[in-house]
Amino acid sequence: MGFTLDCIMSLQDQVKQILNDFDNASSEKIIKILTQIQPYLKSDITRTYLQGKIQGILGTNDNTERKKLCKNLKPYLDWYLQGI
């Protein structure tokens, strides 16, 4: 049908999936989800800060470094689930 599992899963389910298997999630997938949750974060300062961090990760070509930088942003996924 052309649908991927991501299209069927809610954003909340996708965040939970990444958190449950963070080490095996690709940095591209993590960045995609972080970008999608950004508008749901309640503080403008938090959204702006996250956007800057995402841009920094996108400017890095080394996959190992990208993954390390993504790991630093893991709390944002938790905050999204908590509604912060």
PDB file of N, CA and C in Angstrom:
ATOM      1  N   MET A   1       0.796  -1.203   0.000  1.00  0.00           N
ATOM      2  CA  MET A   1       0.000   0.000   0.000  1.00  0.00           C
ATOM      3  C   MET A   1       0.837   1.265   0.000  1.00  0.00           C
ATOM      4  N   GLY A   2       2.096   1.172   0.361  1.00  0.00           N
ATOM      5  CA  GLY A   2       2.932   2.352   0.370  1.00  0.00           C
ATOM      6  C   GLY A   2       2.999   3.056   1.711  1.00  0.00           C
ATOM      7  N   PHE A   3       2.224   2.598   2.686  1.00  0.00           N
ATOM      8  CA  PHE A   3       2.269   3.198   4.023  1.00  0.00           C
ATOM      9  C   PHE A   3       3.404   2.584   4.809  1.00  0.00           C
ATOM     10  N   THR A   4       4.081   3.415   5.557  1.00  0.00           N
ATOM     11  CA  THR A   4       5.101   2.896   6.459  1.00  0.00           C
ATOM     12  C   THR A   4       4.502   2.825   7.844  1.00  0.00           C
ATOM     13  N   LEU A   5       5.143   2.082   8.707  1.00  0.00           N
ATOM     14  CA  LEU A   5       4.679   1.951  10.080  1.00  0.00           C
ATOM     15  C   LEU A   5       4.627   3.310  10.758  1.00  0.00           C
ATOM     16  N   ASP A   6       5.554   4.204  10.418  1.00  0.00           N
ATOM     17  CA  ASP A   6       5.587   5.540  11.012  1.00  0.00           C
ATOM     18  C   ASP A   6       4.311   6.323  10.719  1.00  0.00           C
ATOM     19  N   CYS A   7       3.700   6.096   9.569  1.00  0.00           N
ATOM     20  CA  CYS A   7       2.482   6.820   9.214  1.00  0.00           C
ATOM     21  C   CYS A   7       1.307   6.363  10.065  1.00  0.00           C
ATOM     22  N   ILE A   8       1.327   5.118  10.491  1.00  0.00           N
ATOM     23  CA  ILE A   8       0.241   4.549  11.274  1.00  0.00           C
ATOM     24  C   ILE A   8       0.422   4.851  12.759  1.00  0.00           C
ATOM     25  N   MET A   9       1.650   4.828  13.230  1.00  0.00           N
ATOM     26  CA  MET A   9       1.936   5.053  14.642  1.00  0.00           C
ATOM     27  C   MET A   9       1.746   6.521  15.003  1.00  0.00           C
ATOM     28  N   SER A  10       1.207   6.765  16.189  1.00  0.00           N
ATOM     29  CA  SER A  10       1.092   8.146  16.655  1.00  0.00           C
ATOM     30  C   SER A  10       2.487   8.678  16.973  1.00  0.00           C
ATOM     31  N   LEU A  11       2.590   9.984  17.042  1.00  0.00           N
ATOM     32  CA  LEU A  11       3.870  10.605  17.381  1.00  0.00           C
ATOM     33  C   LEU A  11       4.317  10.135  18.759  1.00  0.00           C
ATOM     34  N   GLN A  12       3.378  10.035  19.680  1.00  0.00           N
ATOM     35  CA  GLN A  12       3.699   9.571  21.028  1.00  0.00           C
ATOM     36  C   GLN A  12       4.261   8.149  20.991  1.00  0.00           C
ATOM     37  N   ASP A  13       3.673   7.277  20.177  1.00  0.00           N
ATOM     38  CA  ASP A  13       4.176   5.905  20.054  1.00  0.00           C
ATOM     39  C   ASP A  13       5.574   5.876  19.449  1.00  0.00           C
ATOM     40  N   GLN A  14       5.819   6.748  18.481  1.00  0.00           N
ATOM     41  CA  GLN A  14       7.138   6.806  17.861  1.00  0.00           C
ATOM     42  C   GLN A  14       8.194   7.268  18.858  1.00  0.00           C
ATOM     43  N   VAL A  15       7.834   8.242  19.703  1.00  0.00           N
ATOM     44  CA  VAL A  15       8.757   8.717  20.738  1.00  0.00           C
ATOM     45  C   VAL A  15       9.060   7.584  21.712  1.00  0.00           C
ATOM     46  N   LYS A  16       8.022   6.868  22.127  1.00  0.00           N
ATOM     47  CA  LYS A  16       8.217   5.738  23.050  1.00  0.00           C
ATOM     48  C   LYS A  16       9.112   4.676  22.426  1.00  0.00           C
ATOM     49  N   GLN A  17       8.907   4.400  21.146  1.00  0.00           N
ATOM     50  CA  GLN A  17       9.713   3.402  20.448  1.00  0.00           C
ATOM     51  C   GLN A  17      11.187   3.811  20.437  1.00  0.00           C
ATOM     52  N   ILE A  18      11.461   5.063  20.170  1.00  0.00           N
ATOM     53  CA  ILE A  18      12.847   5.540  20.163  1.00  0.00           C
ATOM     54  C   ILE A  18      13.448   5.432  21.554  1.00  0.00           C
ATOM     55  N   LEU A  19      12.704   5.850  22.567  1.00  0.00           N
ATOM     56  CA  LEU A  19      13.224   5.787  23.935  1.00  0.00           C
ATOM     57  C   LEU A  19      13.488   4.349  24.367  1.00  0.00           C
ATOM     58  N   ASN A  20      12.635   3.425  23.930  1.00  0.00           N
ATOM     59  CA  ASN A  20      12.800   2.020  24.308  1.00  0.00           C
ATOM     60  C   ASN A  20      13.985   1.353  23.625  1.00  0.00           C
ATOM     61  N   ASP A  21      14.392   1.873  22.477  1.00  0.00           N
ATOM     62  CA  ASP A  21      15.504   1.272  21.738  1.00  0.00           C
ATOM     63  C   ASP A  21      16.397   2.376  21.160  1.00  0.00           C
ATOM     64  N   PHE A  22      16.781   3.316  22.018  1.00  0.00           N
ATOM     65  CA  PHE A  22      17.513   4.501  21.574  1.00  0.00           C
ATOM     66  C   PHE A  22      18.818   4.149  20.870  1.00  0.00           C
ATOM     67  N   ASP A  23      19.544   3.180  21.398  1.00  0.00           N
ATOM     68  CA  ASP A  23      20.855   2.839  20.832  1.00  0.00           C
ATOM     69  C   ASP A  23      20.763   2.339  19.396  1.00  0.00           C
ATOM     70  N   ASN A  24      19.629   1.747  19.023  1.00  0.00           N
ATOM     71  CA  ASN A  24      19.479   1.224  17.671  1.00  0.00           C
ATOM     72  C   ASN A  24      18.709   2.160  16.744  1.00  0.00           C
ATOM     73  N   ALA A  25      18.208   3.259  17.269  1.00  0.00           N
ATOM     74  CA  ALA A  25      17.497   4.231  16.435  1.00  0.00           C
ATOM     75  C   ALA A  25      18.517   5.063  15.656  1.00  0.00           C
ATOM     76  N   SER A  26      18.218   5.328  14.406  1.00  0.00           N
ATOM     77  CA  SER A  26      19.140   6.135  13.594  1.00  0.00           C
ATOM     78  C   SER A  26      19.057   7.595  14.022  1.00  0.00           C
ATOM     79  N   SER A  27      20.153   8.304  13.844  1.00  0.00           N
ATOM     80  CA  SER A  27      20.151   9.731  14.190  1.00  0.00           C
ATOM     81  C   SER A  27      19.151  10.481  13.311  1.00  0.00           C
ATOM     82  N   GLU A  28      18.965  10.036  12.073  1.00  0.00           N
ATOM     83  CA  GLU A  28      18.001  10.676  11.180  1.00  0.00           C
ATOM     84  C   GLU A  28      16.588  10.554  11.736  1.00  0.00           C
ATOM     85  N   LYS A  29      16.259   9.373  12.236  1.00  0.00           N
ATOM     86  CA  LYS A  29      14.932   9.133  12.816  1.00  0.00           C
ATOM     87  C   LYS A  29      14.744   9.981  14.076  1.00  0.00           C
ATOM     88  N   ILE A  30      15.765  10.044  14.908  1.00  0.00           N
ATOM     89  CA  ILE A  30      15.687  10.826  16.144  1.00  0.00           C
ATOM     90  C   ILE A  30      15.484  12.303  15.817  1.00  0.00           C
ATOM     91  N   ILE A  31      16.238  12.816  14.850  1.00  0.00           N
ATOM     92  CA  ILE A  31      16.112  14.219  14.449  1.00  0.00           C
ATOM     93  C   ILE A  31      14.716  14.486  13.888  1.00  0.00           C
ATOM     94  N   LYS A  32      14.216  13.562  13.090  1.00  0.00           N
ATOM     95  CA  LYS A  32      12.871  13.704  12.516  1.00  0.00           C
ATOM     96  C   LYS A  32      11.829  13.826  13.628  1.00  0.00           C
ATOM     97  N   ILE A  33      11.929  12.971  14.634  1.00  0.00           N
ATOM     98  CA  ILE A  33      10.973  12.987  15.742  1.00  0.00           C
ATOM     99  C   ILE A  33      11.151  14.243  16.587  1.00  0.00           C
ATOM    100  N   LEU A  34      12.390  14.629  16.862  1.00  0.00           N
ATOM    101  CA  LEU A  34      12.628  15.855  17.632  1.00  0.00           C
ATOM    102  C   LEU A  34      12.024  17.069  16.924  1.00  0.00           C
ATOM    103  N   THR A  35      12.149  17.098  15.611  1.00  0.00           N
ATOM    104  CA  THR A  35      11.581  18.192  14.827  1.00  0.00           C
ATOM    105  C   THR A  35      10.055  18.185  14.925  1.00  0.00           C
ATOM    106  N   GLN A  36       9.469  16.987  14.936  1.00  0.00           N
ATOM    107  CA  GLN A  36       8.011  16.880  15.007  1.00  0.00           C
ATOM    108  C   GLN A  36       7.460  17.241  16.381  1.00  0.00           C
ATOM    109  N   ILE A  37       8.212  16.956  17.441  1.00  0.00           N
ATOM    110  CA  ILE A  37       7.702  17.264  18.785  1.00  0.00           C
ATOM    111  C   ILE A  37       7.952  18.718  19.174  1.00  0.00           C
ATOM    112  N   GLN A  38       8.848  19.369  18.480  1.00  0.00           N
ATOM    113  CA  GLN A  38       9.249  20.738  18.835  1.00  0.00           C
ATOM    114  C   GLN A  38       8.053  21.677  19.035  1.00  0.00           C
ATOM    115  N   PRO A  39       7.062  21.710  18.143  1.00  0.00           N
ATOM    116  CA  PRO A  39       5.940  22.639  18.344  1.00  0.00           C
ATOM    117  C   PRO A  39       5.100  22.335  19.591  1.00  0.00           C
ATOM    118  N   TYR A  40       5.197  21.124  20.099  1.00  0.00           N
ATOM    119  CA  TYR A  40       4.397  20.726  21.256  1.00  0.00           C
ATOM    120  C   TYR A  40       5.048  21.086  22.586  1.00  0.00           C
ATOM    121  N   LEU A  41       6.303  21.473  22.554  1.00  0.00           N
ATOM    122  CA  LEU A  41       6.972  21.888  23.786  1.00  0.00           C
ATOM    123  C   LEU A  41       6.399  23.239  24.195  1.00  0.00           C
ATOM    124  N   LYS A  42       6.144  23.410  25.476  1.00  0.00           N
ATOM    125  CA  LYS A  42       5.364  24.559  25.946  1.00  0.00           C
ATOM    126  C   LYS A  42       6.127  25.877  25.986  1.00  0.00           C
ATOM    127  N   SER A  43       7.417  25.843  26.146  1.00  0.00           N
ATOM    128  CA  SER A  43       8.201  27.067  26.298  1.00  0.00           C
ATOM    129  C   SER A  43       8.830  27.479  24.967  1.00  0.00           C
ATOM    130  N   ASP A  44       8.687  28.759  24.622  1.00  0.00           N
ATOM    131  CA  ASP A  44       9.330  29.289  23.410  1.00  0.00           C
ATOM    132  C   ASP A  44      10.844  29.144  23.488  1.00  0.00           C
ATOM    133  N   ILE A  45      11.392  29.390  24.656  1.00  0.00           N
ATOM    134  CA  ILE A  45      12.841  29.279  24.844  1.00  0.00           C
ATOM    135  C   ILE A  45      13.296  27.844  24.581  1.00  0.00           C
ATOM    136  N   THR A  46      12.529  26.880  25.082  1.00  0.00           N
ATOM    137  CA  THR A  46      12.870  25.469  24.886  1.00  0.00           C
ATOM    138  C   THR A  46      12.797  25.099  23.413  1.00  0.00           C
ATOM    139  N   ARG A  47      11.747  25.547  22.727  1.00  0.00           N
ATOM    140  CA  ARG A  47      11.601  25.246  21.296  1.00  0.00           C
ATOM    141  C   ARG A  47      12.745  25.852  20.490  1.00  0.00           C
ATOM    142  N   THR A  48      13.094  27.090  20.798  1.00  0.00           N
ATOM    143  CA  THR A  48      14.176  27.773  20.084  1.00  0.00           C
ATOM    144  C   THR A  48      15.517  27.096  20.342  1.00  0.00           C
ATOM    145  N   TYR A  49      15.769  26.742  21.581  1.00  0.00           N
ATOM    146  CA  TYR A  49      17.018  26.067  21.944  1.00  0.00           C
ATOM    147  C   TYR A  49      17.122  24.723  21.222  1.00  0.00           C
ATOM    148  N   LEU A  50      16.024  23.965  21.226  1.00  0.00           N
ATOM    149  CA  LEU A  50      16.021  22.668  20.548  1.00  0.00           C
ATOM    150  C   LEU A  50      16.283  22.847  19.056  1.00  0.00           C
ATOM    151  N   GLN A  51      15.678  23.850  18.444  1.00  0.00           N
ATOM    152  CA  GLN A  51      15.904  24.100  17.018  1.00  0.00           C
ATOM    153  C   GLN A  51      17.381  24.348  16.733  1.00  0.00           C
ATOM    154  N   GLY A  52      18.031  25.118  17.577  1.00  0.00           N
ATOM    155  CA  GLY A  52      19.463  25.369  17.406  1.00  0.00           C
ATOM    156  C   GLY A  52      20.283  24.099  17.532  1.00  0.00           C
ATOM    157  N   LYS A  53      19.916  23.251  18.475  1.00  0.00           N
ATOM    158  CA  LYS A  53      20.630  21.982  18.662  1.00  0.00           C
ATOM    159  C   LYS A  53      20.422  21.057  17.468  1.00  0.00           C
ATOM    160  N   ILE A  54      19.198  21.019  16.947  1.00  0.00           N
ATOM    161  CA  ILE A  54      18.914  20.196  15.767  1.00  0.00           C
ATOM    162  C   ILE A  54      19.750  20.686  14.589  1.00  0.00           C
ATOM    163  N   GLN A  55      19.824  21.997  14.387  1.00  0.00           N
ATOM    164  CA  GLN A  55      20.628  22.552  13.293  1.00  0.00           C
ATOM    165  C   GLN A  55      22.100  22.182  13.451  1.00  0.00           C
ATOM    166  N   GLY A  56      22.580  22.193  14.689  1.00  0.00           N
ATOM    167  CA  GLY A  56      23.959  21.793  14.949  1.00  0.00           C
ATOM    168  C   GLY A  56      24.218  20.343  14.579  1.00  0.00           C
ATOM    169  N   ILE A  57      23.260  19.484  14.893  1.00  0.00           N
ATOM    170  CA  ILE A  57      23.398  18.062  14.552  1.00  0.00           C
ATOM    171  C   ILE A  57      23.380  17.891  13.040  1.00  0.00           C
ATOM    172  N   LEU A  58      22.478  18.590  12.374  1.00  0.00           N
ATOM    173  CA  LEU A  58      22.385  18.483  10.917  1.00  0.00           C
ATOM    174  C   LEU A  58      23.651  18.976  10.230  1.00  0.00           C
ATOM    175  N   GLY A  59      24.389  19.854  10.880  1.00  0.00           N
ATOM    176  CA  GLY A  59      25.640  20.362  10.327  1.00  0.00           C
ATOM    177  C   GLY A  59      26.827  19.443  10.550  1.00  0.00           C
ATOM    178  N   THR A  60      26.601  18.332  11.240  1.00  0.00           N
ATOM    179  CA  THR A  60      27.662  17.370  11.529  1.00  0.00           C
ATOM    180  C   THR A  60      27.540  16.188  10.578  1.00  0.00           C
ATOM    181  N   ASN A  61      28.636  15.831   9.924  1.00  0.00           N
ATOM    182  CA  ASN A  61      28.609  14.726   8.963  1.00  0.00           C
ATOM    183  C   ASN A  61      28.972  13.381   9.571  1.00  0.00           C
ATOM    184  N   ASP A  62      29.651  13.378  10.690  1.00  0.00           N
ATOM    185  CA  ASP A  62      30.089  12.144  11.341  1.00  0.00           C
ATOM    186  C   ASP A  62      28.907  11.503  12.076  1.00  0.00           C
ATOM    187  N   ASN A  63      28.513  10.292  11.653  1.00  0.00           N
ATOM    188  CA  ASN A  63      27.356   9.617  12.237  1.00  0.00           C
ATOM    189  C   ASN A  63      27.524   9.326  13.717  1.00  0.00           C
ATOM    190  N   THR A  64      28.729   8.992  14.141  1.00  0.00           N
ATOM    191  CA  THR A  64      28.978   8.715  15.555  1.00  0.00           C
ATOM    192  C   THR A  64      28.765   9.979  16.380  1.00  0.00           C
ATOM    193  N   GLU A  65      29.260  11.086  15.888  1.00  0.00           N
ATOM    194  CA  GLU A  65      29.081  12.370  16.577  1.00  0.00           C
ATOM    195  C   GLU A  65      27.611  12.782  16.584  1.00  0.00           C
ATOM    196  N   ARG A  66      26.920  12.547  15.465  1.00  0.00           N
ATOM    197  CA  ARG A  66      25.493  12.875  15.387  1.00  0.00           C
ATOM    198  C   ARG A  66      24.705  12.111  16.443  1.00  0.00           C
ATOM    199  N   LYS A  67      25.016  10.830  16.566  1.00  0.00           N
ATOM    200  CA  LYS A  67      24.304   9.990  17.537  1.00  0.00           C
ATOM    201  C   LYS A  67      24.577  10.475  18.959  1.00  0.00           C
ATOM    202  N   LYS A  68      25.824  10.853  19.224  1.00  0.00           N
ATOM    203  CA  LYS A  68      26.190  11.362  20.547  1.00  0.00           C
ATOM    204  C   LYS A  68      25.426  12.652  20.850  1.00  0.00           C
ATOM    205  N   LEU A  69      25.341  13.527  19.874  1.00  0.00           N
ATOM    206  CA  LEU A  69      24.606  14.781  20.051  1.00  0.00           C
ATOM    207  C   LEU A  69      23.108  14.526  20.237  1.00  0.00           C
ATOM    208  N   CYS A  70      22.589  13.540  19.513  1.00  0.00           N
ATOM    209  CA  CYS A  70      21.177  13.172  19.675  1.00  0.00           C
ATOM    210  C   CYS A  70      20.913  12.661  21.088  1.00  0.00           C
ATOM    211  N   LYS A  71      21.854  11.898  21.604  1.00  0.00           N
ATOM    212  CA  LYS A  71      21.686  11.347  22.952  1.00  0.00           C
ATOM    213  C   LYS A  71      21.565  12.467  23.984  1.00  0.00           C
ATOM    214  N   ASN A  72      22.273  13.572  23.756  1.00  0.00           N
ATOM    215  CA  ASN A  72      22.179  14.726  24.654  1.00  0.00           C
ATOM    216  C   ASN A  72      20.785  15.347  24.652  1.00  0.00           C
ATOM    217  N   LEU A  73      20.016  15.104  23.594  1.00  0.00           N
ATOM    218  CA  LEU A  73      18.679  15.688  23.470  1.00  0.00           C
ATOM    219  C   LEU A  73      17.573  14.724  23.896  1.00  0.00           C
ATOM    220  N   LYS A  74      17.958  13.581  24.403  1.00  0.00           N
ATOM    221  CA  LYS A  74      16.991  12.570  24.842  1.00  0.00           C
ATOM    222  C   LYS A  74      15.965  13.114  25.848  1.00  0.00           C
ATOM    223  N   PRO A  75      16.354  14.011  26.770  1.00  0.00           N
ATOM    224  CA  PRO A  75      15.351  14.542  27.710  1.00  0.00           C
ATOM    225  C   PRO A  75      14.161  15.223  27.023  1.00  0.00           C
ATOM    226  N   TYR A  76      14.367  15.785  25.838  1.00  0.00           N
ATOM    227  CA  TYR A  76      13.261  16.423  25.128  1.00  0.00           C
ATOM    228  C   TYR A  76      12.178  15.410  24.782  1.00  0.00           C
ATOM    229  N   LEU A  77      12.587  14.189  24.480  1.00  0.00           N
ATOM    230  CA  LEU A  77      11.615  13.134  24.192  1.00  0.00           C
ATOM    231  C   LEU A  77      10.808  12.813  25.445  1.00  0.00           C
ATOM    232  N   ASP A  78      11.495  12.727  26.572  1.00  0.00           N
ATOM    233  CA  ASP A  78      10.809  12.488  27.848  1.00  0.00           C
ATOM    234  C   ASP A  78       9.856  13.637  28.169  1.00  0.00           C
ATOM    235  N   TRP A  79      10.316  14.855  27.975  1.00  0.00           N
ATOM    236  CA  TRP A  79       9.486  16.029  28.272  1.00  0.00           C
ATOM    237  C   TRP A  79       8.230  16.036  27.416  1.00  0.00           C
ATOM    238  N   TYR A  80       8.373  15.646  26.153  1.00  0.00           N
ATOM    239  CA  TYR A  80       7.205  15.587  25.268  1.00  0.00           C
ATOM    240  C   TYR A  80       6.174  14.615  25.833  1.00  0.00           C
ATOM    241  N   LEU A  81       6.631  13.446  26.241  1.00  0.00           N
ATOM    242  CA  LEU A  81       5.709  12.449  26.788  1.00  0.00           C
ATOM    243  C   LEU A  81       5.055  12.927  28.082  1.00  0.00           C
ATOM    244  N   GLN A  82       5.781  13.733  28.842  1.00  0.00           N
ATOM    245  CA  GLN A  82       5.252  14.247  30.107  1.00  0.00           C
ATOM    246  C   GLN A  82       4.386  15.492  29.912  1.00  0.00           C
ATOM    247  N   GLY A  83       4.370  16.022  28.696  1.00  0.00           N
ATOM    248  CA  GLY A  83       3.564  17.201  28.414  1.00  0.00           C
ATOM    249  C   GLY A  83       4.173  18.504  28.878  1.00  0.00           C
ATOM    250  N   ILE A  84       5.494  18.516  29.029  1.00  0.00           N
ATOM    251  CA  ILE A  84       6.183  19.729  29.496  1.00  0.00           C
ATOM    252  C   ILE A  84       6.473  20.649  28.322  1.00  0.00           C
TER     253      ILE A  84
END
